Amino acid sequence: YNGSLPQGDRGRKRSKFVLYKKPEPTGVRRSIHYTVNTPQSSQAILDTSQHSISYTLSRNHAVIVEYTSDDQTDMFQSKQHLEKVVDELNAGRPQCPVGLNTLVIPRRLSPNDSSTTQQPYVYLNCGHVQGLHEWGQERESSNRKCPICLELGPVVKLCMGLEPAFYVDSGIPCFAFNPCGHMASEKTVKYWSGIVIPHGTNGAQAVCPFCVTHLCSYPGIMSTRTTTPEGK
């Protein structure tokens, strides 16, 4: 099927979208195959351990995704495993050192999370995890002073990144992206912070794979520090 907006009176388009059936299906076309005879040019094509796929976004923009094999990288984590890791972190009962209330790391953020006292927040400059409180709040800015190390900086909600395709190992989620606050394992966060994508007309910048937020200045990641009732 195909569709179009037919011409109306006085050269203006009609508001109804008209569909019509094509005589032959042509929605999927066979890819163009290239044959290279010289060994120097065909070496990359004959390499079975590496291949790339090109996605054309517009007339002047394209994204090339390159796949390489890595025996030390595990890209097949399951969502059930990640949810189990979150449950284990919450079983340790992370605590806010100011309000002394137990924090619960959410699996996903929702608009209603801002009103709960269990939502953890992370200080982006030092990585300390606490609850929502007014201690150290700057009057003329949104920055806050960390009550543990007295470091002044912004605060964001902390949330677990639950897309298993983005994980490169099964490590403990003890790192987070800056400035969005998505948690993941140390190896995963450091891996994606080193992958840059085109940004603007002549630049490139790393992004958080879970929300595509541009990371702050290098390295764009931080180590999270939680407090438990045992003081760990």
C-alpha atoms as a PDB file:
ATOM      1  CA  TYR A   1       0.000   0.000   0.000  1.00  0.00           C
ATOM      2  CA  ASN A   2       0.980   3.601  -0.498  1.00  0.00           C
ATOM      3  CA  GLY A   3      -0.669   6.888   0.332  1.00  0.00           C
ATOM      4  CA  SER A   4      -0.787  10.566  -0.525  1.00  0.00           C
ATOM      5  CA  LEU A   5      -2.677  13.774   0.111  1.00  0.00           C
ATOM      6  CA  PRO A   6      -4.618  14.568  -3.085  1.00  0.00           C
ATOM      7  CA  GLN A   7      -4.911  18.062  -4.457  1.00  0.00           C
ATOM      8  CA  GLY A   8      -8.019  19.932  -3.428  1.00  0.00           C
ATOM      9  CA  ASP A   9      -9.715  23.102  -4.584  1.00  0.00           C
ATOM     10  CA  ARG A  10      -7.546  26.138  -5.335  1.00  0.00           C
ATOM     11  CA  GLY A  11      -4.360  24.103  -5.165  1.00  0.00           C
ATOM     12  CA  ARG A  12      -4.610  23.246  -1.471  1.00  0.00           C
ATOM     13  CA  LYS A  13      -4.129  19.744  -0.064  1.00  0.00           C
ATOM     14  CA  ARG A  14      -7.099  17.808   1.227  1.00  0.00           C
ATOM     15  CA  SER A  15      -7.133  16.736   4.869  1.00  0.00           C
ATOM     16  CA  LYS A  16      -7.933  13.071   4.156  1.00  0.00           C
ATOM     17  CA  PHE A  17      -5.071  10.662   3.484  1.00  0.00           C
ATOM     18  CA  VAL A  18      -5.870   8.437   0.475  1.00  0.00           C
ATOM     19  CA  LEU A  19      -4.462   4.892   0.370  1.00  0.00           C
ATOM     20  CA  TYR A  20      -4.138   2.831  -2.777  1.00  0.00           C
ATOM     21  CA  LYS A  21      -2.825  -0.673  -3.357  1.00  0.00           C
ATOM     22  CA  LYS A  22       0.203  -1.206  -5.523  1.00  0.00           C
ATOM     23  CA  PRO A  23       0.100  -3.958  -8.153  1.00  0.00           C
ATOM     24  CA  GLU A  24       3.377  -5.441  -6.807  1.00  0.00           C
ATOM     25  CA  PRO A  25       4.932  -5.265  -3.327  1.00  0.00           C
ATOM     26  CA  THR A  26       8.076  -3.124  -3.449  1.00  0.00           C
ATOM     27  CA  GLY A  27       8.472  -2.165   0.190  1.00  0.00           C
ATOM     28  CA  VAL A  28      11.645  -4.234   0.716  1.00  0.00           C
ATOM     29  CA  ARG A  29      14.397  -4.047  -1.854  1.00  0.00           C
ATOM     30  CA  ARG A  30      17.387  -6.268  -2.216  1.00  0.00           C
ATOM     31  CA  SER A  31      20.633  -4.720  -1.015  1.00  0.00           C
ATOM     32  CA  ILE A  32      23.248  -3.711  -3.571  1.00  0.00           C
ATOM     33  CA  HIS A  33      26.190  -6.122  -3.725  1.00  0.00           C
ATOM     34  CA  TYR A  34      29.666  -4.950  -4.603  1.00  0.00           C
ATOM     35  CA  THR A  35      32.457  -7.140  -5.958  1.00  0.00           C
ATOM     36  CA  VAL A  36      36.045  -6.144  -5.200  1.00  0.00           C
ATOM     37  CA  ASN A  37      38.842  -7.918  -7.019  1.00  0.00           C
ATOM     38  CA  THR A  38      41.963  -6.371  -5.473  1.00  0.00           C
ATOM     39  CA  PRO A  39      43.133  -8.129  -2.258  1.00  0.00           C
ATOM     40  CA  GLN A  40      44.008  -4.821  -0.579  1.00  0.00           C
ATOM     41  CA  SER A  41      40.447  -3.536  -0.886  1.00  0.00           C
ATOM     42  CA  SER A  42      38.687  -6.825  -0.209  1.00  0.00           C
ATOM     43  CA  GLN A  43      40.542  -7.658   2.998  1.00  0.00           C
ATOM     44  CA  ALA A  44      38.046  -5.806   5.196  1.00  0.00           C
ATOM     45  CA  ILE A  45      35.099  -7.410   3.405  1.00  0.00           C
ATOM     46  CA  LEU A  46      36.508 -10.915   3.800  1.00  0.00           C
ATOM     47  CA  ASP A  47      37.058 -10.423   7.550  1.00  0.00           C
ATOM     48  CA  THR A  48      34.259 -12.490   9.121  1.00  0.00           C
ATOM     49  CA  SER A  49      34.936 -11.196  12.644  1.00  0.00           C
ATOM     50  CA  GLN A  50      34.094  -7.598  11.755  1.00  0.00           C
ATOM     51  CA  HIS A  51      31.264  -6.016   9.844  1.00  0.00           C
ATOM     52  CA  SER A  52      29.397  -2.730   9.789  1.00  0.00           C
ATOM     53  CA  ILE A  53      25.890  -1.525   8.997  1.00  0.00           C
ATOM     54  CA  SER A  54      25.125   1.960   7.701  1.00  0.00           C
ATOM     55  CA  TYR A  55      21.913   3.802   8.631  1.00  0.00           C
ATOM     56  CA  THR A  56      21.035   6.820   6.491  1.00  0.00           C
ATOM     57  CA  LEU A  57      19.285   9.423   8.640  1.00  0.00           C
ATOM     58  CA  SER A  58      18.991  12.241   6.128  1.00  0.00           C
ATOM     59  CA  ARG A  59      20.595  13.567   2.992  1.00  0.00           C
ATOM     60  CA  ASN A  60      23.718  14.710   4.824  1.00  0.00           C
ATOM     61  CA  HIS A  61      23.783  12.443   7.898  1.00  0.00           C
ATOM     62  CA  ALA A  62      24.451   8.742   8.313  1.00  0.00           C
ATOM     63  CA  VAL A  63      25.361   6.454  11.214  1.00  0.00           C
ATOM     64  CA  ILE A  64      27.721   3.517  10.753  1.00  0.00           C
ATOM     65  CA  VAL A  65      27.475   0.780  13.399  1.00  0.00           C
ATOM     66  CA  GLU A  66      30.519  -1.469  13.543  1.00  0.00           C
ATOM     67  CA  TYR A  67      30.371  -4.924  15.123  1.00  0.00           C
ATOM     68  CA  THR A  68      33.493  -6.679  16.355  1.00  0.00           C
ATOM     69  CA  SER A  69      33.905  -9.907  18.281  1.00  0.00           C
ATOM     70  CA  ASP A  70      35.272  -9.703  21.836  1.00  0.00           C
ATOM     71  CA  ASP A  71      35.662 -12.802  23.984  1.00  0.00           C
ATOM     72  CA  GLN A  72      35.956 -10.713  27.168  1.00  0.00           C
ATOM     73  CA  THR A  73      32.726  -8.794  26.606  1.00  0.00           C
ATOM     74  CA  ASP A  74      29.333 -10.192  27.577  1.00  0.00           C
ATOM     75  CA  MET A  75      26.529  -8.407  25.720  1.00  0.00           C
ATOM     76  CA  PHE A  76      23.783 -10.890  26.565  1.00  0.00           C
ATOM     77  CA  GLN A  77      22.566  -9.952  30.048  1.00  0.00           C
ATOM     78  CA  SER A  78      18.913 -10.702  30.748  1.00  0.00           C
ATOM     79  CA  LYS A  79      16.435  -8.273  32.225  1.00  0.00           C
ATOM     80  CA  GLN A  80      15.634 -10.779  34.981  1.00  0.00           C
ATOM     81  CA  HIS A  81      19.285 -10.759  36.027  1.00  0.00           C
ATOM     82  CA  LEU A  82      19.345  -6.949  36.196  1.00  0.00           C
ATOM     83  CA  GLU A  83      16.147  -6.873  38.253  1.00  0.00           C
ATOM     84  CA  LYS A  84      17.705  -9.390  40.635  1.00  0.00           C
ATOM     85  CA  VAL A  85      20.732  -7.118  41.021  1.00  0.00           C
ATOM     86  CA  VAL A  86      18.445  -4.201  41.934  1.00  0.00           C
ATOM     87  CA  ASP A  87      16.705  -6.361  44.541  1.00  0.00           C
ATOM     88  CA  GLU A  88      20.075  -7.295  46.037  1.00  0.00           C
ATOM     89  CA  LEU A  89      21.101  -3.637  46.254  1.00  0.00           C
ATOM     90  CA  ASN A  90      17.840  -2.721  47.960  1.00  0.00           C
ATOM     91  CA  ALA A  91      18.230  -5.691  50.327  1.00  0.00           C
ATOM     92  CA  GLY A  92      21.335  -3.949  51.674  1.00  0.00           C
ATOM     93  CA  ARG A  93      19.025  -1.139  52.840  1.00  0.00           C
ATOM     94  CA  PRO A  94      20.866   1.945  51.568  1.00  0.00           C
ATOM     95  CA  GLN A  95      20.198   4.817  53.935  1.00  0.00           C
ATOM     96  CA  CYS A  96      20.049   8.595  53.722  1.00  0.00           C
ATOM     97  CA  PRO A  97      22.599   9.987  56.221  1.00  0.00           C
ATOM     98  CA  VAL A  98      20.464  13.075  56.850  1.00  0.00           C
ATOM     99  CA  GLY A  99      16.920  11.756  57.179  1.00  0.00           C
ATOM    100  CA  LEU A 100      18.083   8.261  58.248  1.00  0.00           C
ATOM    101  CA  ASN A 101      15.364   6.787  56.035  1.00  0.00           C
ATOM    102  CA  THR A 102      15.822   3.701  53.871  1.00  0.00           C
ATOM    103  CA  LEU A 103      16.267   4.361  50.157  1.00  0.00           C
ATOM    104  CA  VAL A 104      14.919   2.152  47.374  1.00  0.00           C
ATOM    105  CA  ILE A 105      16.659   2.159  43.994  1.00  0.00           C
ATOM    106  CA  PRO A 106      13.861   2.190  41.387  1.00  0.00           C
ATOM    107  CA  ARG A 107      13.848   0.071  38.265  1.00  0.00           C
ATOM    108  CA  ARG A 108      12.428   2.976  36.290  1.00  0.00           C
ATOM    109  CA  LEU A 109      11.540   6.585  37.001  1.00  0.00           C
ATOM    110  CA  SER A 110       7.977   7.879  37.018  1.00  0.00           C
ATOM    111  CA  PRO A 111       6.507  11.356  37.631  1.00  0.00           C
ATOM    112  CA  ASN A 112       5.284  10.272  41.086  1.00  0.00           C
ATOM    113  CA  ASP A 113       8.765   9.360  42.332  1.00  0.00           C
ATOM    114  CA  SER A 114       9.553  12.938  43.357  1.00  0.00           C
ATOM    115  CA  SER A 115       7.126  12.819  46.288  1.00  0.00           C
ATOM    116  CA  THR A 116       8.461   9.661  47.923  1.00  0.00           C
ATOM    117  CA  THR A 117      11.110   9.734  50.641  1.00  0.00           C
ATOM    118  CA  GLN A 118      12.603   6.477  49.350  1.00  0.00           C
ATOM    119  CA  GLN A 119      13.793   7.899  46.024  1.00  0.00           C
ATOM    120  CA  PRO A 120      17.620   8.090  46.053  1.00  0.00           C
ATOM    121  CA  TYR A 121      19.448  11.139  44.729  1.00  0.00           C
ATOM    122  CA  VAL A 122      23.105  11.328  43.744  1.00  0.00           C
ATOM    123  CA  TYR A 123      25.442  14.307  44.059  1.00  0.00           C
ATOM    124  CA  LEU A 124      27.093  14.584  40.651  1.00  0.00           C
ATOM    125  CA  ASN A 125      30.387  16.047  41.853  1.00  0.00           C
ATOM    126  CA  CYS A 126      31.147  13.511  44.594  1.00  0.00           C
ATOM    127  CA  GLY A 127      28.851  10.522  43.908  1.00  0.00           C
ATOM    128  CA  HIS A 128      27.305  10.306  47.395  1.00  0.00           C
ATOM    129  CA  VAL A 129      23.774   8.872  47.350  1.00  0.00           C
ATOM    130  CA  GLN A 130      21.175  10.370  49.696  1.00  0.00           C
ATOM    131  CA  GLY A 131      17.477  11.062  49.962  1.00  0.00           C
ATOM    132  CA  LEU A 132      15.698  14.292  49.105  1.00  0.00           C
ATOM    133  CA  HIS A 133      16.269  16.942  51.788  1.00  0.00           C
ATOM    134  CA  GLU A 134      16.875  20.683  52.055  1.00  0.00           C
ATOM    135  CA  TRP A 135      20.234  20.537  53.836  1.00  0.00           C
ATOM    136  CA  GLY A 136      22.874  22.573  52.010  1.00  0.00           C
ATOM    137  CA  GLN A 137      20.413  23.977  49.475  1.00  0.00           C
ATOM    138  CA  GLU A 138      21.705  27.086  47.692  1.00  0.00           C
ATOM    139  CA  ARG A 139      19.180  29.918  47.624  1.00  0.00           C
ATOM    140  CA  GLU A 140      20.008  31.319  44.203  1.00  0.00           C
ATOM    141  CA  SER A 141      20.763  28.042  42.406  1.00  0.00           C
ATOM    142  CA  SER A 142      19.787  24.382  42.317  1.00  0.00           C
ATOM    143  CA  ASN A 143      23.176  23.251  43.653  1.00  0.00           C
ATOM    144  CA  ARG A 144      23.445  21.597  47.034  1.00  0.00           C
ATOM    145  CA  LYS A 145      26.271  20.984  49.471  1.00  0.00           C
ATOM    146  CA  CYS A 146      26.858  17.324  50.239  1.00  0.00           C
ATOM    147  CA  PRO A 147      26.558  16.802  54.028  1.00  0.00           C
ATOM    148  CA  ILE A 148      29.204  14.064  53.927  1.00  0.00           C
ATOM    149  CA  CYS A 149      32.079  15.708  52.037  1.00  0.00           C
ATOM    150  CA  LEU A 150      30.722  19.302  51.776  1.00  0.00           C
ATOM    151  CA  GLU A 151      31.188  19.234  47.984  1.00  0.00           C
ATOM    152  CA  LEU A 152      28.888  21.708  46.223  1.00  0.00           C
ATOM    153  CA  GLY A 153      27.181  20.605  43.028  1.00  0.00           C
ATOM    154  CA  PRO A 154      23.975  19.516  41.263  1.00  0.00           C
ATOM    155  CA  VAL A 155      21.779  16.638  42.421  1.00  0.00           C
ATOM    156  CA  VAL A 156      19.724  14.261  40.241  1.00  0.00           C
ATOM    157  CA  LYS A 157      17.583  11.177  40.766  1.00  0.00           C
ATOM    158  CA  LEU A 158      19.370   7.840  40.741  1.00  0.00           C
ATOM    159  CA  CYS A 159      17.852   5.064  38.633  1.00  0.00           C
ATOM    160  CA  MET A 160      18.969   1.660  37.390  1.00  0.00           C
ATOM    161  CA  GLY A 161      19.526   1.240  33.661  1.00  0.00           C
ATOM    162  CA  LEU A 162      17.506  -1.847  32.766  1.00  0.00           C
ATOM    163  CA  GLU A 163      18.250  -2.312  29.062  1.00  0.00           C
ATOM    164  CA  PRO A 164      20.289  -5.554  29.007  1.00  0.00           C
ATOM    165  CA  ALA A 165      21.565  -4.979  25.471  1.00  0.00           C
ATOM    166  CA  PHE A 166      23.743  -2.108  26.707  1.00  0.00           C
ATOM    167  CA  TYR A 167      25.615  -4.108  29.356  1.00  0.00           C
ATOM    168  CA  VAL A 168      29.066  -5.492  28.607  1.00  0.00           C
ATOM    169  CA  ASP A 169      29.468  -7.529  31.812  1.00  0.00           C
ATOM    170  CA  SER A 170      27.551  -8.741  34.861  1.00  0.00           C
ATOM    171  CA  GLY A 171      29.324  -6.558  37.418  1.00  0.00           C
ATOM    172  CA  ILE A 172      27.730  -4.739  40.344  1.00  0.00           C
ATOM    173  CA  PRO A 173      26.119  -1.404  39.313  1.00  0.00           C
ATOM    174  CA  CYS A 174      28.330   0.973  41.275  1.00  0.00           C
ATOM    175  CA  PHE A 175      28.831   3.676  38.632  1.00  0.00           C
ATOM    176  CA  ALA A 176      26.451   6.199  37.066  1.00  0.00           C
ATOM    177  CA  PHE A 177      26.360   8.480  34.058  1.00  0.00           C
ATOM    178  CA  ASN A 178      26.700  12.226  34.574  1.00  0.00           C
ATOM    179  CA  PRO A 179      24.351  14.151  34.378  1.00  0.00           C
ATOM    180  CA  CYS A 180      21.353  11.786  33.976  1.00  0.00           C
ATOM    181  CA  GLY A 181      22.032   9.457  36.933  1.00  0.00           C
ATOM    182  CA  HIS A 182      21.486   6.082  35.236  1.00  0.00           C
ATOM    183  CA  MET A 183      23.334   3.309  37.097  1.00  0.00           C
ATOM    184  CA  ALA A 184      25.251   0.417  35.546  1.00  0.00           C
ATOM    185  CA  SER A 185      28.353  -1.645  36.157  1.00  0.00           C
ATOM    186  CA  GLU A 186      31.756   0.037  36.136  1.00  0.00           C
ATOM    187  CA  LYS A 187      32.861  -1.663  32.926  1.00  0.00           C
ATOM    188  CA  THR A 188      29.595  -0.813  31.157  1.00  0.00           C
ATOM    189  CA  VAL A 189      29.671   2.867  32.134  1.00  0.00           C
ATOM    190  CA  LYS A 190      33.314   3.267  31.157  1.00  0.00           C
ATOM    191  CA  TYR A 191      32.687   1.456  27.865  1.00  0.00           C
ATOM    192  CA  TRP A 192      29.868   3.745  26.742  1.00  0.00           C
ATOM    193  CA  SER A 193      31.594   6.899  27.988  1.00  0.00           C
ATOM    194  CA  GLY A 194      34.322   6.164  25.440  1.00  0.00           C
ATOM    195  CA  ILE A 195      31.895   5.793  22.509  1.00  0.00           C
ATOM    196  CA  VAL A 196      31.318   9.163  20.862  1.00  0.00           C
ATOM    197  CA  ILE A 197      28.665   9.994  18.291  1.00  0.00           C
ATOM    198  CA  PRO A 198      28.404  12.995  15.948  1.00  0.00           C
ATOM    199  CA  HIS A 199      27.252  16.135  17.746  1.00  0.00           C
ATOM    200  CA  GLY A 200      26.671  19.361  15.863  1.00  0.00           C
ATOM    201  CA  THR A 201      28.425  20.147  12.618  1.00  0.00           C
ATOM    202  CA  ASN A 202      32.010  19.270  13.511  1.00  0.00           C
ATOM    203  CA  GLY A 203      32.033  17.597  16.920  1.00  0.00           C
ATOM    204  CA  ALA A 204      31.445  14.296  18.673  1.00  0.00           C
ATOM    205  CA  GLN A 205      30.279  13.539  22.195  1.00  0.00           C
ATOM    206  CA  ALA A 206      29.453  10.486  24.311  1.00  0.00           C
ATOM    207  CA  VAL A 207      25.877   9.879  25.468  1.00  0.00           C
ATOM    208  CA  CYS A 208      24.107   7.741  28.037  1.00  0.00           C
ATOM    209  CA  PRO A 209      22.824   4.649  26.196  1.00  0.00           C
ATOM    210  CA  PHE A 210      19.694   4.461  28.361  1.00  0.00           C
ATOM    211  CA  CYS A 211      18.337   7.984  27.722  1.00  0.00           C
ATOM    212  CA  VAL A 212      20.664   9.428  25.010  1.00  0.00           C
ATOM    213  CA  THR A 213      21.606  12.360  27.261  1.00  0.00           C
ATOM    214  CA  HIS A 214      24.916  13.976  26.360  1.00  0.00           C
ATOM    215  CA  LEU A 215      27.483  13.304  29.069  1.00  0.00           C
ATOM    216  CA  CYS A 216      29.272  16.080  30.898  1.00  0.00           C
ATOM    217  CA  SER A 217      32.920  16.891  30.381  1.00  0.00           C
ATOM    218  CA  TYR A 218      35.384  13.998  30.525  1.00  0.00           C
ATOM    219  CA  PRO A 219      34.960  11.407  31.855  1.00  0.00           C
ATOM    220  CA  GLY A 220      31.182  11.972  32.179  1.00  0.00           C
ATOM    221  CA  ILE A 221      30.811   9.201  34.766  1.00  0.00           C
ATOM    222  CA  MET A 222      31.043   8.869  38.545  1.00  0.00           C
ATOM    223  CA  SER A 223      31.339   6.215  41.219  1.00  0.00           C
ATOM    224  CA  THR A 224      28.243   6.034  43.423  1.00  0.00           C
ATOM    225  CA  ARG A 225      28.676   5.893  47.203  1.00  0.00           C
ATOM    226  CA  THR A 226      25.806   4.613  49.298  1.00  0.00           C
ATOM    227  CA  THR A 227      25.442   4.469  53.088  1.00  0.00           C
ATOM    228  CA  THR A 228      24.012   1.418  54.881  1.00  0.00           C
ATOM    229  CA  PRO A 229      22.810   1.036  58.495  1.00  0.00           C
ATOM    230  CA  GLU A 230      26.140  -0.683  59.239  1.00  0.00           C
ATOM    231  CA  GLY A 231      27.957   2.448  58.068  1.00  0.00           C
ATOM    232  CA  LYS A 232      29.387   0.901  54.879  1.00  0.00           C
END
